[in-house]
Amino acid sequence: MSEKDQTPAQADIPILSLSLDDIEKVYRAYMPYVKKGGAIFVPTKHPFELNAPVFLSLHFLKEPAPYRFQGQVVWVMAHTSGDSLQGVGVQLGGKEGEAMNEKIRTLLRGMDNSKPTDTI
């Protein structure tokens, strides 16, 4: 979506970008426990409030074009002194989000899910 295609309300919505170029990064970022489509953890230092609308541009594996979603912040990880990444969980909304959620679930099916992720 180009800037000229956005309505004034959409122009105020922040755009986050994330590259998940291998299966380990997908595993670490995916938040399957979020109801209605799962979510993706996006590292960012920008402060967000829960339920804030965002656009997510997701570069997924080796696919040539990014996926673009409008979603909302459903998880906030503030800066800590530990090893945790600062960032937000963005719920995958709409039909595109549902399709991406299914794609990720299929990709990760059968993987060892005892390894740590970026959120837990």
PDB file of N, CA and C in Angstrom:
ATOM      1  N   MET A   1       0.855  -1.167   0.000  1.00  0.00           N
ATOM      2  CA  MET A   1       0.000   0.000   0.000  1.00  0.00           C
ATOM      3  C   MET A   1       0.902   1.231   0.000  1.00  0.00           C
ATOM      4  N   SER A   2       0.726   2.101  -0.952  1.00  0.00           N
ATOM      5  CA  SER A   2       1.541   3.306  -1.003  1.00  0.00           C
ATOM      6  C   SER A   2       0.920   4.377  -0.121  1.00  0.00           C
ATOM      7  N   GLU A   3       1.714   5.403   0.190  1.00  0.00           N
ATOM      8  CA  GLU A   3       1.209   6.475   1.041  1.00  0.00           C
ATOM      9  C   GLU A   3      -0.001   7.158   0.423  1.00  0.00           C
ATOM     10  N   LYS A   4      -0.024   7.297  -0.899  1.00  0.00           N
ATOM     11  CA  LYS A   4      -1.156   7.982  -1.532  1.00  0.00           C
ATOM     12  C   LYS A   4      -2.427   7.146  -1.473  1.00  0.00           C
ATOM     13  N   ASP A   5      -2.312   5.814  -1.266  1.00  0.00           N
ATOM     14  CA  ASP A   5      -3.477   4.955  -1.157  1.00  0.00           C
ATOM     15  C   ASP A   5      -4.063   4.934   0.248  1.00  0.00           C
ATOM     16  N   GLN A   6      -3.372   5.541   1.211  1.00  0.00           N
ATOM     17  CA  GLN A   6      -3.820   5.500   2.594  1.00  0.00           C
ATOM     18  C   GLN A   6      -4.770   6.644   2.901  1.00  0.00           C
ATOM     19  N   THR A   7      -5.742   6.361   3.753  1.00  0.00           N
ATOM     20  CA  THR A   7      -6.611   7.413   4.248  1.00  0.00           C
ATOM     21  C   THR A   7      -5.850   8.176   5.321  1.00  0.00           C
ATOM     22  N   PRO A   8      -6.292   9.375   5.713  1.00  0.00           N
ATOM     23  CA  PRO A   8      -5.590  10.113   6.772  1.00  0.00           C
ATOM     24  C   PRO A   8      -5.430   9.300   8.056  1.00  0.00           C
ATOM     25  N   ALA A   9      -6.440   8.511   8.430  1.00  0.00           N
ATOM     26  CA  ALA A   9      -6.341   7.696   9.642  1.00  0.00           C
ATOM     27  C   ALA A   9      -5.262   6.629   9.477  1.00  0.00           C
ATOM     28  N   GLN A  10      -5.161   6.016   8.287  1.00  0.00           N
ATOM     29  CA  GLN A  10      -4.145   4.996   8.048  1.00  0.00           C
ATOM     30  C   GLN A  10      -2.752   5.592   8.036  1.00  0.00           C
ATOM     31  N   ALA A  11      -2.603   6.823   7.583  1.00  0.00           N
ATOM     32  CA  ALA A  11      -1.288   7.457   7.506  1.00  0.00           C
ATOM     33  C   ALA A  11      -0.677   7.625   8.894  1.00  0.00           C
ATOM     34  N   ASP A  12      -1.510   7.663   9.938  1.00  0.00           N
ATOM     35  CA  ASP A  12      -1.018   7.803  11.300  1.00  0.00           C
ATOM     36  C   ASP A  12      -0.646   6.472  11.945  1.00  0.00           C
ATOM     37  N   ILE A  13      -0.917   5.366  11.292  1.00  0.00           N
ATOM     38  CA  ILE A  13      -0.628   4.047  11.856  1.00  0.00           C
ATOM     39  C   ILE A  13       0.828   3.693  11.579  1.00  0.00           C
ATOM     40  N   PRO A  14       1.593   3.348  12.622  1.00  0.00           N
ATOM     41  CA  PRO A  14       3.008   3.002  12.422  1.00  0.00           C
ATOM     42  C   PRO A  14       3.165   1.744  11.567  1.00  0.00           C
ATOM     43  N   ILE A  15       4.267   1.703  10.839  1.00  0.00           N
ATOM     44  CA  ILE A  15       4.595   0.549  10.004  1.00  0.00           C
ATOM     45  C   ILE A  15       5.803  -0.144  10.616  1.00  0.00           C
ATOM     46  N   LEU A  16       5.664  -1.435  10.897  1.00  0.00           N
ATOM     47  CA  LEU A  16       6.759  -2.258  11.396  1.00  0.00           C
ATOM     48  C   LEU A  16       7.182  -3.203  10.286  1.00  0.00           C
ATOM     49  N   SER A  17       8.457  -3.521  10.253  1.00  0.00           N
ATOM     50  CA  SER A  17       8.973  -4.429   9.243  1.00  0.00           C
ATOM     51  C   SER A  17       9.793  -5.518   9.928  1.00  0.00           C
ATOM     52  N   LEU A  18       9.664  -6.737   9.425  1.00  0.00           N
ATOM     53  CA  LEU A  18      10.389  -7.867  10.005  1.00  0.00           C
ATOM     54  C   LEU A  18      10.758  -8.836   8.904  1.00  0.00           C
ATOM     55  N   SER A  19      11.962  -9.386   8.996  1.00  0.00           N
ATOM     56  CA  SER A  19      12.415 -10.403   8.053  1.00  0.00           C
ATOM     57  C   SER A  19      12.587 -11.721   8.801  1.00  0.00           C
ATOM     58  N   LEU A  20      11.813 -12.710   8.408  1.00  0.00           N
ATOM     59  CA  LEU A  20      11.939 -14.059   8.955  1.00  0.00           C
ATOM     60  C   LEU A  20      12.473 -14.938   7.825  1.00  0.00           C
ATOM     61  N   ASP A  21      13.791 -14.964   7.694  1.00  0.00           N
ATOM     62  CA  ASP A  21      14.392 -15.615   6.528  1.00  0.00           C
ATOM     63  C   ASP A  21      14.821 -17.054   6.752  1.00  0.00           C
ATOM     64  N   ASP A  22      14.569 -17.608   7.944  1.00  0.00           N
ATOM     65  CA  ASP A  22      14.801 -19.035   8.142  1.00  0.00           C
ATOM     66  C   ASP A  22      13.804 -19.570   9.167  1.00  0.00           C
ATOM     67  N   ILE A  23      13.677 -20.877   9.214  1.00  0.00           N
ATOM     68  CA  ILE A  23      12.649 -21.496  10.041  1.00  0.00           C
ATOM     69  C   ILE A  23      12.864 -21.225  11.530  1.00  0.00           C
ATOM     70  N   GLU A  24      14.108 -21.104  11.966  1.00  0.00           N
ATOM     71  CA  GLU A  24      14.384 -20.803  13.375  1.00  0.00           C
ATOM     72  C   GLU A  24      13.862 -19.424  13.758  1.00  0.00           C
ATOM     73  N   LYS A  25      14.014 -18.457  12.873  1.00  0.00           N
ATOM     74  CA  LYS A  25      13.491 -17.111  13.151  1.00  0.00           C
ATOM     75  C   LYS A  25      11.967 -17.122  13.188  1.00  0.00           C
ATOM     76  N   VAL A  26      11.361 -17.910  12.304  1.00  0.00           N
ATOM     77  CA  VAL A  26       9.906 -18.037  12.316  1.00  0.00           C
ATOM     78  C   VAL A  26       9.459 -18.619  13.649  1.00  0.00           C
ATOM     79  N   TYR A  27      10.117 -19.696  14.085  1.00  0.00           N
ATOM     80  CA  TYR A  27       9.782 -20.335  15.354  1.00  0.00           C
ATOM     81  C   TYR A  27       9.905 -19.351  16.517  1.00  0.00           C
ATOM     82  N   ARG A  28      10.998 -18.599  16.543  1.00  0.00           N
ATOM     83  CA  ARG A  28      11.248 -17.682  17.665  1.00  0.00           C
ATOM     84  C   ARG A  28      10.241 -16.532  17.706  1.00  0.00           C
ATOM     85  N   ALA A  29       9.744 -16.094  16.552  1.00  0.00           N
ATOM     86  CA  ALA A  29       8.858 -14.937  16.491  1.00  0.00           C
ATOM     87  C   ALA A  29       7.372 -15.286  16.601  1.00  0.00           C
ATOM     88  N   TYR A  30       7.009 -16.504  16.255  1.00  0.00           N
ATOM     89  CA  TYR A  30       5.583 -16.871  16.197  1.00  0.00           C
ATOM     90  C   TYR A  30       5.000 -17.010  17.600  1.00  0.00           C
ATOM     91  N   MET A  31       3.796 -16.504  17.775  1.00  0.00           N
ATOM     92  CA  MET A  31       3.093 -16.545  19.061  1.00  0.00           C
ATOM     93  C   MET A  31       1.778 -17.311  18.869  1.00  0.00           C
ATOM     94  N   PRO A  32       1.826 -18.662  18.890  1.00  0.00           N
ATOM     95  CA  PRO A  32       0.643 -19.461  18.580  1.00  0.00           C
ATOM     96  C   PRO A  32      -0.451 -19.377  19.637  1.00  0.00           C
ATOM     97  N   TYR A  33      -0.108 -18.964  20.832  1.00  0.00           N
ATOM     98  CA  TYR A  33      -1.068 -18.922  21.932  1.00  0.00           C
ATOM     99  C   TYR A  33      -2.002 -17.718  21.858  1.00  0.00           C
ATOM    100  N   VAL A  34      -1.768 -16.811  20.924  1.00  0.00           N
ATOM    101  CA  VAL A  34      -2.664 -15.666  20.738  1.00  0.00           C
ATOM    102  C   VAL A  34      -3.872 -16.144  19.942  1.00  0.00           C
ATOM    103  N   LYS A  35      -5.047 -15.963  20.515  1.00  0.00           N
ATOM    104  CA  LYS A  35      -6.295 -16.403  19.871  1.00  0.00           C
ATOM    105  C   LYS A  35      -6.554 -15.587  18.607  1.00  0.00           C
ATOM    106  N   LYS A  36      -7.362 -16.144  17.736  1.00  0.00           N
ATOM    107  CA  LYS A  36      -7.775 -15.495  16.488  1.00  0.00           C
ATOM    108  C   LYS A  36      -6.605 -15.147  15.587  1.00  0.00           C
ATOM    109  N   GLY A  37      -5.860 -16.139  15.168  1.00  0.00           N
ATOM    110  CA  GLY A  37      -4.865 -15.917  14.139  1.00  0.00           C
ATOM    111  C   GLY A  37      -3.416 -15.892  14.554  1.00  0.00           C
ATOM    112  N   GLY A  38      -3.134 -16.071  15.842  1.00  0.00           N
ATOM    113  CA  GLY A  38      -1.741 -16.029  16.260  1.00  0.00           C
ATOM    114  C   GLY A  38      -1.178 -14.621  16.137  1.00  0.00           C
ATOM    115  N   ALA A  39       0.102 -14.502  16.433  1.00  0.00           N
ATOM    116  CA  ALA A  39       0.771 -13.199  16.365  1.00  0.00           C
ATOM    117  C   ALA A  39       2.239 -13.414  16.047  1.00  0.00           C
ATOM    118  N   ILE A  40       2.887 -12.336  15.650  1.00  0.00           N
ATOM    119  CA  ILE A  40       4.312 -12.323  15.358  1.00  0.00           C
ATOM    120  C   ILE A  40       4.973 -11.309  16.280  1.00  0.00           C
ATOM    121  N   PHE A  41       6.072 -11.720  16.934  1.00  0.00           N
ATOM    122  CA  PHE A  41       6.832 -10.797  17.764  1.00  0.00           C
ATOM    123  C   PHE A  41       7.767  -9.994  16.869  1.00  0.00           C
ATOM    124  N   VAL A  42       7.724  -8.674  17.017  1.00  0.00           N
ATOM    125  CA  VAL A  42       8.550  -7.777  16.214  1.00  0.00           C
ATOM    126  C   VAL A  42       9.428  -6.953  17.163  1.00  0.00           C
ATOM    127  N   PRO A  43      10.745  -7.153  17.123  1.00  0.00           N
ATOM    128  CA  PRO A  43      11.614  -6.322  17.959  1.00  0.00           C
ATOM    129  C   PRO A  43      11.522  -4.854  17.546  1.00  0.00           C
ATOM    130  N   THR A  44      11.332  -3.991  18.508  1.00  0.00           N
ATOM    131  CA  THR A  44      11.286  -2.550  18.262  1.00  0.00           C
ATOM    132  C   THR A  44      11.525  -1.823  19.572  1.00  0.00           C
ATOM    133  N   LYS A  45      12.135  -0.675  19.484  1.00  0.00           N
ATOM    134  CA  LYS A  45      12.334   0.153  20.669  1.00  0.00           C
ATOM    135  C   LYS A  45      11.241   1.213  20.787  1.00  0.00           C
ATOM    136  N   HIS A  46      10.397   1.297  19.782  1.00  0.00           N
ATOM    137  CA  HIS A  46       9.297   2.258  19.789  1.00  0.00           C
ATOM    138  C   HIS A  46       8.282   1.832  20.851  1.00  0.00           C
ATOM    139  N   PRO A  47       7.852   2.731  21.709  1.00  0.00           N
ATOM    140  CA  PRO A  47       6.854   2.359  22.718  1.00  0.00           C
ATOM    141  C   PRO A  47       5.462   2.234  22.101  1.00  0.00           C
ATOM    142  N   PHE A  48       4.786   1.157  22.406  1.00  0.00           N
ATOM    143  CA  PHE A  48       3.432   0.922  21.922  1.00  0.00           C
ATOM    144  C   PHE A  48       2.521   0.604  23.099  1.00  0.00           C
ATOM    145  N   GLU A  49       1.258   0.917  22.942  1.00  0.00           N
ATOM    146  CA  GLU A  49       0.223   0.546  23.907  1.00  0.00           C
ATOM    147  C   GLU A  49      -0.475  -0.708  23.390  1.00  0.00           C
ATOM    148  N   LEU A  50      -1.017  -1.509  24.297  1.00  0.00           N
ATOM    149  CA  LEU A  50      -1.830  -2.648  23.882  1.00  0.00           C
ATOM    150  C   LEU A  50      -2.996  -2.163  23.021  1.00  0.00           C
ATOM    151  N   ASN A  51      -3.335  -2.950  22.046  1.00  0.00           N
ATOM    152  CA  ASN A  51      -4.430  -2.700  21.100  1.00  0.00           C
ATOM    153  C   ASN A  51      -4.145  -1.587  20.102  1.00  0.00           C
ATOM    154  N   ALA A  52      -2.934  -1.043  20.095  1.00  0.00           N
ATOM    155  CA  ALA A  52      -2.592  -0.015  19.114  1.00  0.00           C
ATOM    156  C   ALA A  52      -2.591  -0.637  17.715  1.00  0.00           C
ATOM    157  N   PRO A  53      -3.164   0.048  16.722  1.00  0.00           N
ATOM    158  CA  PRO A  53      -3.122  -0.467  15.356  1.00  0.00           C
ATOM    159  C   PRO A  53      -1.722  -0.281  14.760  1.00  0.00           C
ATOM    160  N   VAL A  54      -1.300  -1.254  13.961  1.00  0.00           N
ATOM    161  CA  VAL A  54      -0.014  -1.173  13.256  1.00  0.00           C
ATOM    162  C   VAL A  54      -0.154  -1.860  11.901  1.00  0.00           C
ATOM    163  N   PHE A  55       0.721  -1.478  10.998  1.00  0.00           N
ATOM    164  CA  PHE A  55       0.897  -2.220   9.757  1.00  0.00           C
ATOM    165  C   PHE A  55       2.164  -3.042   9.923  1.00  0.00           C
ATOM    166  N   LEU A  56       2.142  -4.279   9.449  1.00  0.00           N
ATOM    167  CA  LEU A  56       3.315  -5.142   9.500  1.00  0.00           C
ATOM    168  C   LEU A  56       3.682  -5.552   8.085  1.00  0.00           C
ATOM    169  N   SER A  57       4.935  -5.267   7.716  1.00  0.00           N
ATOM    170  CA  SER A  57       5.490  -5.737   6.458  1.00  0.00           C
ATOM    171  C   SER A  57       6.412  -6.903   6.803  1.00  0.00           C
ATOM    172  N   LEU A  58       6.023  -8.112   6.401  1.00  0.00           N
ATOM    173  CA  LEU A  58       6.712  -9.329   6.798  1.00  0.00           C
ATOM    174  C   LEU A  58       7.392  -9.982   5.604  1.00  0.00           C
ATOM    175  N   HIS A  59       8.706  -9.990   5.620  1.00  0.00           N
ATOM    176  CA  HIS A  59       9.488 -10.716   4.610  1.00  0.00           C
ATOM    177  C   HIS A  59       9.604 -12.145   5.123  1.00  0.00           C
ATOM    178  N   PHE A  60       9.007 -13.082   4.401  1.00  0.00           N
ATOM    179  CA  PHE A  60       8.852 -14.456   4.886  1.00  0.00           C
ATOM    180  C   PHE A  60       9.656 -15.436   4.053  1.00  0.00           C
ATOM    181  N   LEU A  61      10.628 -16.045   4.709  1.00  0.00           N
ATOM    182  CA  LEU A  61      11.501 -17.035   4.098  1.00  0.00           C
ATOM    183  C   LEU A  61      12.063 -16.496   2.784  1.00  0.00           C
ATOM    184  N   LYS A  62      12.011 -17.261   1.742  1.00  0.00           N
ATOM    185  CA  LYS A  62      12.624 -16.844   0.472  1.00  0.00           C
ATOM    186  C   LYS A  62      11.614 -16.246  -0.502  1.00  0.00           C
ATOM    187  N   GLU A  63      10.425 -15.927  -0.024  1.00  0.00           N
ATOM    188  CA  GLU A  63       9.395 -15.407  -0.920  1.00  0.00           C
ATOM    189  C   GLU A  63       9.774 -14.007  -1.393  1.00  0.00           C
ATOM    190  N   PRO A  64       9.527 -13.709  -2.669  1.00  0.00           N
ATOM    191  CA  PRO A  64      10.047 -12.474  -3.266  1.00  0.00           C
ATOM    192  C   PRO A  64       9.431 -11.172  -2.744  1.00  0.00           C
ATOM    193  N   ALA A  65       8.179 -11.210  -2.386  1.00  0.00           N
ATOM    194  CA  ALA A  65       7.513  -9.975  -1.954  1.00  0.00           C
ATOM    195  C   ALA A  65       7.078 -10.122  -0.496  1.00  0.00           C
ATOM    196  N   PRO A  66       7.106  -9.024   0.245  1.00  0.00           N
ATOM    197  CA  PRO A  66       6.667  -9.105   1.645  1.00  0.00           C
ATOM    198  C   PRO A  66       5.147  -9.245   1.735  1.00  0.00           C
ATOM    199  N   TYR A  67       4.720  -9.868   2.811  1.00  0.00           N
ATOM    200  CA  TYR A  67       3.305  -9.899   3.153  1.00  0.00           C
ATOM    201  C   TYR A  67       3.019  -8.646   3.963  1.00  0.00           C
ATOM    202  N   ARG A  68       1.852  -8.074   3.775  1.00  0.00           N
ATOM    203  CA  ARG A  68       1.489  -6.856   4.504  1.00  0.00           C
ATOM    204  C   ARG A  68       0.162  -7.080   5.212  1.00  0.00           C
ATOM    205  N   PHE A  69       0.163  -6.736   6.490  1.00  0.00           N
ATOM    206  CA  PHE A  69      -1.020  -6.928   7.315  1.00  0.00           C
ATOM    207  C   PHE A  69      -1.304  -5.665   8.092  1.00  0.00           C
ATOM    208  N   GLN A  70      -2.573  -5.413   8.344  1.00  0.00           N
ATOM    209  CA  GLN A  70      -2.926  -4.452   9.365  1.00  0.00           C
ATOM    210  C   GLN A  70      -3.319  -5.277  10.569  1.00  0.00           C
ATOM    211  N   GLY A  71      -2.717  -4.987  11.703  1.00  0.00           N
ATOM    212  CA  GLY A  71      -2.994  -5.751  12.907  1.00  0.00           C
ATOM    213  C   GLY A  71      -3.042  -4.838  14.105  1.00  0.00           C
ATOM    214  N   GLN A  72      -2.988  -5.470  15.259  1.00  0.00           N
ATOM    215  CA  GLN A  72      -2.966  -4.678  16.483  1.00  0.00           C
ATOM    216  C   GLN A  72      -1.965  -5.281  17.450  1.00  0.00           C
ATOM    217  N   VAL A  73      -1.455  -4.446  18.322  1.00  0.00           N
ATOM    218  CA  VAL A  73      -0.484  -4.870  19.323  1.00  0.00           C
ATOM    219  C   VAL A  73      -1.225  -5.656  20.405  1.00  0.00           C
ATOM    220  N   VAL A  74      -0.790  -6.912  20.618  1.00  0.00           N
ATOM    221  CA  VAL A  74      -1.418  -7.756  21.634  1.00  0.00           C
ATOM    222  C   VAL A  74      -0.423  -8.183  22.719  1.00  0.00           C
ATOM    223  N   TRP A  75       0.824  -7.749  22.585  1.00  0.00           N
ATOM    224  CA  TRP A  75       1.871  -8.125  23.538  1.00  0.00           C
ATOM    225  C   TRP A  75       2.888  -6.996  23.541  1.00  0.00           C
ATOM    226  N   VAL A  76       3.316  -6.567  24.710  1.00  0.00           N
ATOM    227  CA  VAL A  76       4.353  -5.539  24.813  1.00  0.00           C
ATOM    228  C   VAL A  76       5.451  -6.048  25.729  1.00  0.00           C
ATOM    229  N   MET A  77       6.662  -6.094  25.201  1.00  0.00           N
ATOM    230  CA  MET A  77       7.826  -6.462  25.997  1.00  0.00           C
ATOM    231  C   MET A  77       8.680  -5.211  26.118  1.00  0.00           C
ATOM    232  N   ALA A  78       8.596  -4.578  27.284  1.00  0.00           N
ATOM    233  CA  ALA A  78       9.353  -3.350  27.527  1.00  0.00           C
ATOM    234  C   ALA A  78      10.824  -3.686  27.740  1.00  0.00           C
ATOM    235  N   HIS A  79      11.660  -2.686  27.686  1.00  0.00           N
ATOM    236  CA  HIS A  79      13.091  -2.879  27.904  1.00  0.00           C
ATOM    237  C   HIS A  79      13.331  -3.432  29.306  1.00  0.00           C
ATOM    238  N   THR A  80      14.145  -4.470  29.381  1.00  0.00           N
ATOM    239  CA  THR A  80      14.529  -5.036  30.668  1.00  0.00           C
ATOM    240  C   THR A  80      16.039  -5.129  30.718  1.00  0.00           C
ATOM    241  N   SER A  81      16.568  -5.379  31.869  1.00  0.00           N
ATOM    242  CA  SER A  81      18.018  -5.496  31.987  1.00  0.00           C
ATOM    243  C   SER A  81      18.500  -6.890  31.611  1.00  0.00           C
ATOM    244  N   GLY A  82      17.580  -7.832  31.399  1.00  0.00           N
ATOM    245  CA  GLY A  82      17.950  -9.197  31.030  1.00  0.00           C
ATOM    246  C   GLY A  82      18.217  -9.339  29.548  1.00  0.00           C
ATOM    247  N   ASP A  83      18.144 -10.570  29.080  1.00  0.00           N
ATOM    248  CA  ASP A  83      18.416 -10.876  27.673  1.00  0.00           C
ATOM    249  C   ASP A  83      17.186 -10.755  26.782  1.00  0.00           C
ATOM    250  N   SER A  84      16.044 -10.410  27.348  1.00  0.00           N
ATOM    251  CA  SER A  84      14.813 -10.323  26.565  1.00  0.00           C
ATOM    252  C   SER A  84      14.887  -9.196  25.546  1.00  0.00           C
ATOM    253  N   LEU A  85      14.331  -9.480  24.374  1.00  0.00           N
ATOM    254  CA  LEU A  85      14.240  -8.452  23.341  1.00  0.00           C
ATOM    255  C   LEU A  85      13.090  -7.508  23.655  1.00  0.00           C
ATOM    256  N   GLN A  86      13.291  -6.247  23.407  1.00  0.00           N
ATOM    257  CA  GLN A  86      12.220  -5.269  23.520  1.00  0.00           C
ATOM    258  C   GLN A  86      11.421  -5.320  22.226  1.00  0.00           C
ATOM    259  N   GLY A  87      10.104  -5.316  22.320  1.00  0.00           N
ATOM    260  CA  GLY A  87       9.296  -5.337  21.111  1.00  0.00           C
ATOM    261  C   GLY A  87       7.836  -5.559  21.402  1.00  0.00           C
ATOM    262  N   VAL A  88       7.085  -5.904  20.344  1.00  0.00           N
ATOM    263  CA  VAL A  88       5.646  -6.083  20.446  1.00  0.00           C
ATOM    264  C   VAL A  88       5.202  -7.328  19.681  1.00  0.00           C
ATOM    265  N   GLY A  89       4.103  -7.904  20.142  1.00  0.00           N
ATOM    266  CA  GLY A  89       3.435  -8.969  19.417  1.00  0.00           C
ATOM    267  C   GLY A  89       2.319  -8.354  18.599  1.00  0.00           C
ATOM    268  N   VAL A  90       2.317  -8.616  17.300  1.00  0.00           N
ATOM    269  CA  VAL A  90       1.302  -8.074  16.399  1.00  0.00           C
ATOM    270  C   VAL A  90       0.390  -9.217  15.967  1.00  0.00           C
ATOM    271  N   GLN A  91      -0.890  -9.093  16.310  1.00  0.00           N
ATOM    272  CA  GLN A  91      -1.861 -10.108  15.918  1.00  0.00           C
ATOM    273  C   GLN A  91      -2.034 -10.084  14.408  1.00  0.00           C
ATOM    274  N   LEU A  92      -2.060 -11.269  13.816  1.00  0.00           N
ATOM    275  CA  LEU A  92      -2.232 -11.394  12.376  1.00  0.00           C
ATOM    276  C   LEU A  92      -3.714 -11.262  12.056  1.00  0.00           C
ATOM    277  N   GLY A  93      -4.104 -10.129  11.524  1.00  0.00           N
ATOM    278  CA  GLY A  93      -5.516  -9.850  11.288  1.00  0.00           C
ATOM    279  C   GLY A  93      -5.934 -10.055   9.850  1.00  0.00           C
ATOM    280  N   GLY A  94      -7.219 -10.163   9.658  1.00  0.00           N
ATOM    281  CA  GLY A  94      -7.806 -10.258   8.322  1.00  0.00           C
ATOM    282  C   GLY A  94      -7.550 -11.593   7.646  1.00  0.00           C
ATOM    283  N   LYS A  95      -8.002 -11.701   6.415  1.00  0.00           N
ATOM    284  CA  LYS A  95      -7.829 -12.945   5.662  1.00  0.00           C
ATOM    285  C   LYS A  95      -6.358 -13.242   5.393  1.00  0.00           C
ATOM    286  N   GLU A  96      -5.580 -12.195   5.126  1.00  0.00           N
ATOM    287  CA  GLU A  96      -4.146 -12.390   4.888  1.00  0.00           C
ATOM    288  C   GLU A  96      -3.474 -12.936   6.147  1.00  0.00           C
ATOM    289  N   GLY A  97      -3.868 -12.419   7.294  1.00  0.00           N
ATOM    290  CA  GLY A  97      -3.308 -12.876   8.560  1.00  0.00           C
ATOM    291  C   GLY A  97      -3.674 -14.319   8.863  1.00  0.00           C
ATOM    292  N   GLU A  98      -4.928 -14.665   8.592  1.00  0.00           N
ATOM    293  CA  GLU A  98      -5.366 -16.043   8.804  1.00  0.00           C
ATOM    294  C   GLU A  98      -4.576 -16.995   7.912  1.00  0.00           C
ATOM    295  N   ALA A  99      -4.355 -16.604   6.668  1.00  0.00           N
ATOM    296  CA  ALA A  99      -3.593 -17.444   5.737  1.00  0.00           C
ATOM    297  C   ALA A  99      -2.145 -17.582   6.204  1.00  0.00           C
ATOM    298  N   MET A 100      -1.547 -16.490   6.686  1.00  0.00           N
ATOM    299  CA  MET A 100      -0.169 -16.556   7.181  1.00  0.00           C
ATOM    300  C   MET A 100      -0.086 -17.423   8.433  1.00  0.00           C
ATOM    301  N   ASN A 101      -1.063 -17.292   9.315  1.00  0.00           N
ATOM    302  CA  ASN A 101      -1.088 -18.115  10.521  1.00  0.00           C
ATOM    303  C   ASN A 101      -1.104 -19.598  10.148  1.00  0.00           C
ATOM    304  N   GLU A 102      -1.934 -19.972   9.196  1.00  0.00           N
ATOM    305  CA  GLU A 102      -2.008 -21.372   8.771  1.00  0.00           C
ATOM    306  C   GLU A 102      -0.696 -21.817   8.124  1.00  0.00           C
ATOM    307  N   LYS A 103      -0.095 -20.941   7.330  1.00  0.00           N
ATOM    308  CA  LYS A 103       1.179 -21.251   6.686  1.00  0.00           C
ATOM    309  C   LYS A 103       2.259 -21.514   7.741  1.00  0.00           C
ATOM    310  N   ILE A 104       2.303 -20.678   8.768  1.00  0.00           N
ATOM    311  CA  ILE A 104       3.306 -20.842   9.832  1.00  0.00           C
ATOM    312  C   ILE A 104       3.033 -22.106  10.637  1.00  0.00           C
ATOM    313  N   ARG A 105       1.778 -22.350  10.977  1.00  0.00           N
ATOM    314  CA  ARG A 105       1.442 -23.558  11.741  1.00  0.00           C
ATOM    315  C   ARG A 105       1.860 -24.812  10.975  1.00  0.00           C
ATOM    316  N   THR A 106       1.611 -24.832   9.678  1.00  0.00           N
ATOM    317  CA  THR A 106       1.997 -25.974   8.852  1.00  0.00           C
ATOM    318  C   THR A 106       3.518 -26.119   8.819  1.00  0.00           C
ATOM    319  N   LEU A 107       4.213 -25.025   8.654  1.00  0.00           N
ATOM    320  CA  LEU A 107       5.676 -25.043   8.598  1.00  0.00           C
ATOM    321  C   LEU A 107       6.283 -25.578   9.897  1.00  0.00           C
ATOM    322  N   LEU A 108       5.719 -25.172  11.032  1.00  0.00           N
ATOM    323  CA  LEU A 108       6.292 -25.528  12.330  1.00  0.00           C
ATOM    324  C   LEU A 108       5.762 -26.848  12.892  1.00  0.00           C
ATOM    325  N   ARG A 109       4.773 -27.427  12.250  1.00  0.00           N
ATOM    326  CA  ARG A 109       4.196 -28.686  12.730  1.00  0.00           C
ATOM    327  C   ARG A 109       5.293 -29.738  12.870  1.00  0.00           C
ATOM    328  N   GLY A 110       5.333 -30.369  14.031  1.00  0.00           N
ATOM    329  CA  GLY A 110       6.300 -31.436  14.275  1.00  0.00           C
ATOM    330  C   GLY A 110       7.646 -30.957  14.802  1.00  0.00           C
ATOM    331  N   MET A 111       7.853 -29.649  14.869  1.00  0.00           N
ATOM    332  CA  MET A 111       9.123 -29.136  15.409  1.00  0.00           C
ATOM    333  C   MET A 111       9.153 -29.284  16.922  1.00  0.00           C
ATOM    334  N   ASP A 112      10.349 -29.382  17.469  1.00  0.00           N
ATOM    335  CA  ASP A 112      10.547 -29.389  18.919  1.00  0.00           C
ATOM    336  C   ASP A 112      10.154 -28.022  19.455  1.00  0.00           C
ATOM    337  N   ASN A 113       9.069 -27.954  20.215  1.00  0.00           N
ATOM    338  CA  ASN A 113       8.615 -26.667  20.721  1.00  0.00           C
ATOM    339  C   ASN A 113       9.059 -26.394  22.159  1.00  0.00           C
ATOM    340  N   SER A 114      10.107 -27.080  22.587  1.00  0.00           N
ATOM    341  CA  SER A 114      10.618 -26.845  23.936  1.00  0.00           C
ATOM    342  C   SER A 114      11.727 -25.790  23.954  1.00  0.00           C
ATOM    343  N   LYS A 115      12.152 -25.374  22.779  1.00  0.00           N
ATOM    344  CA  LYS A 115      13.204 -24.341  22.699  1.00  0.00           C
ATOM    345  C   LYS A 115      12.625 -22.971  23.038  1.00  0.00           C
ATOM    346  N   PRO A 116      13.463 -22.084  23.585  1.00  0.00           N
ATOM    347  CA  PRO A 116      12.961 -20.752  23.914  1.00  0.00           C
ATOM    348  C   PRO A 116      12.584 -19.955  22.665  1.00  0.00           C
ATOM    349  N   THR A 117      11.674 -19.001  22.861  1.00  0.00           N
ATOM    350  CA  THR A 117      11.270 -18.115  21.783  1.00  0.00           C
ATOM    351  C   THR A 117      11.619 -16.690  22.205  1.00  0.00           C
ATOM    352  N   ASP A 118      11.278 -15.732  21.367  1.00  0.00           N
ATOM    353  CA  ASP A 118      11.547 -14.331  21.695  1.00  0.00           C
ATOM    354  C   ASP A 118      10.592 -13.778  22.754  1.00  0.00           C
ATOM    355  N   THR A 119       9.535 -14.526  23.071  1.00  0.00           N
ATOM    356  CA  THR A 119       8.567 -14.024  24.046  1.00  0.00           C
ATOM    357  C   THR A 119       8.505 -14.858  25.326  1.00  0.00           C
ATOM    358  N   ILE A 120       8.793 -16.127  25.246  1.00  0.00           N
ATOM    359  CA  ILE A 120       8.686 -16.988  26.437  1.00  0.00           C
ATOM    360  C   ILE A 120       9.958 -17.804  26.586  1.00  0.00           C
TER     361      ILE A 120
END
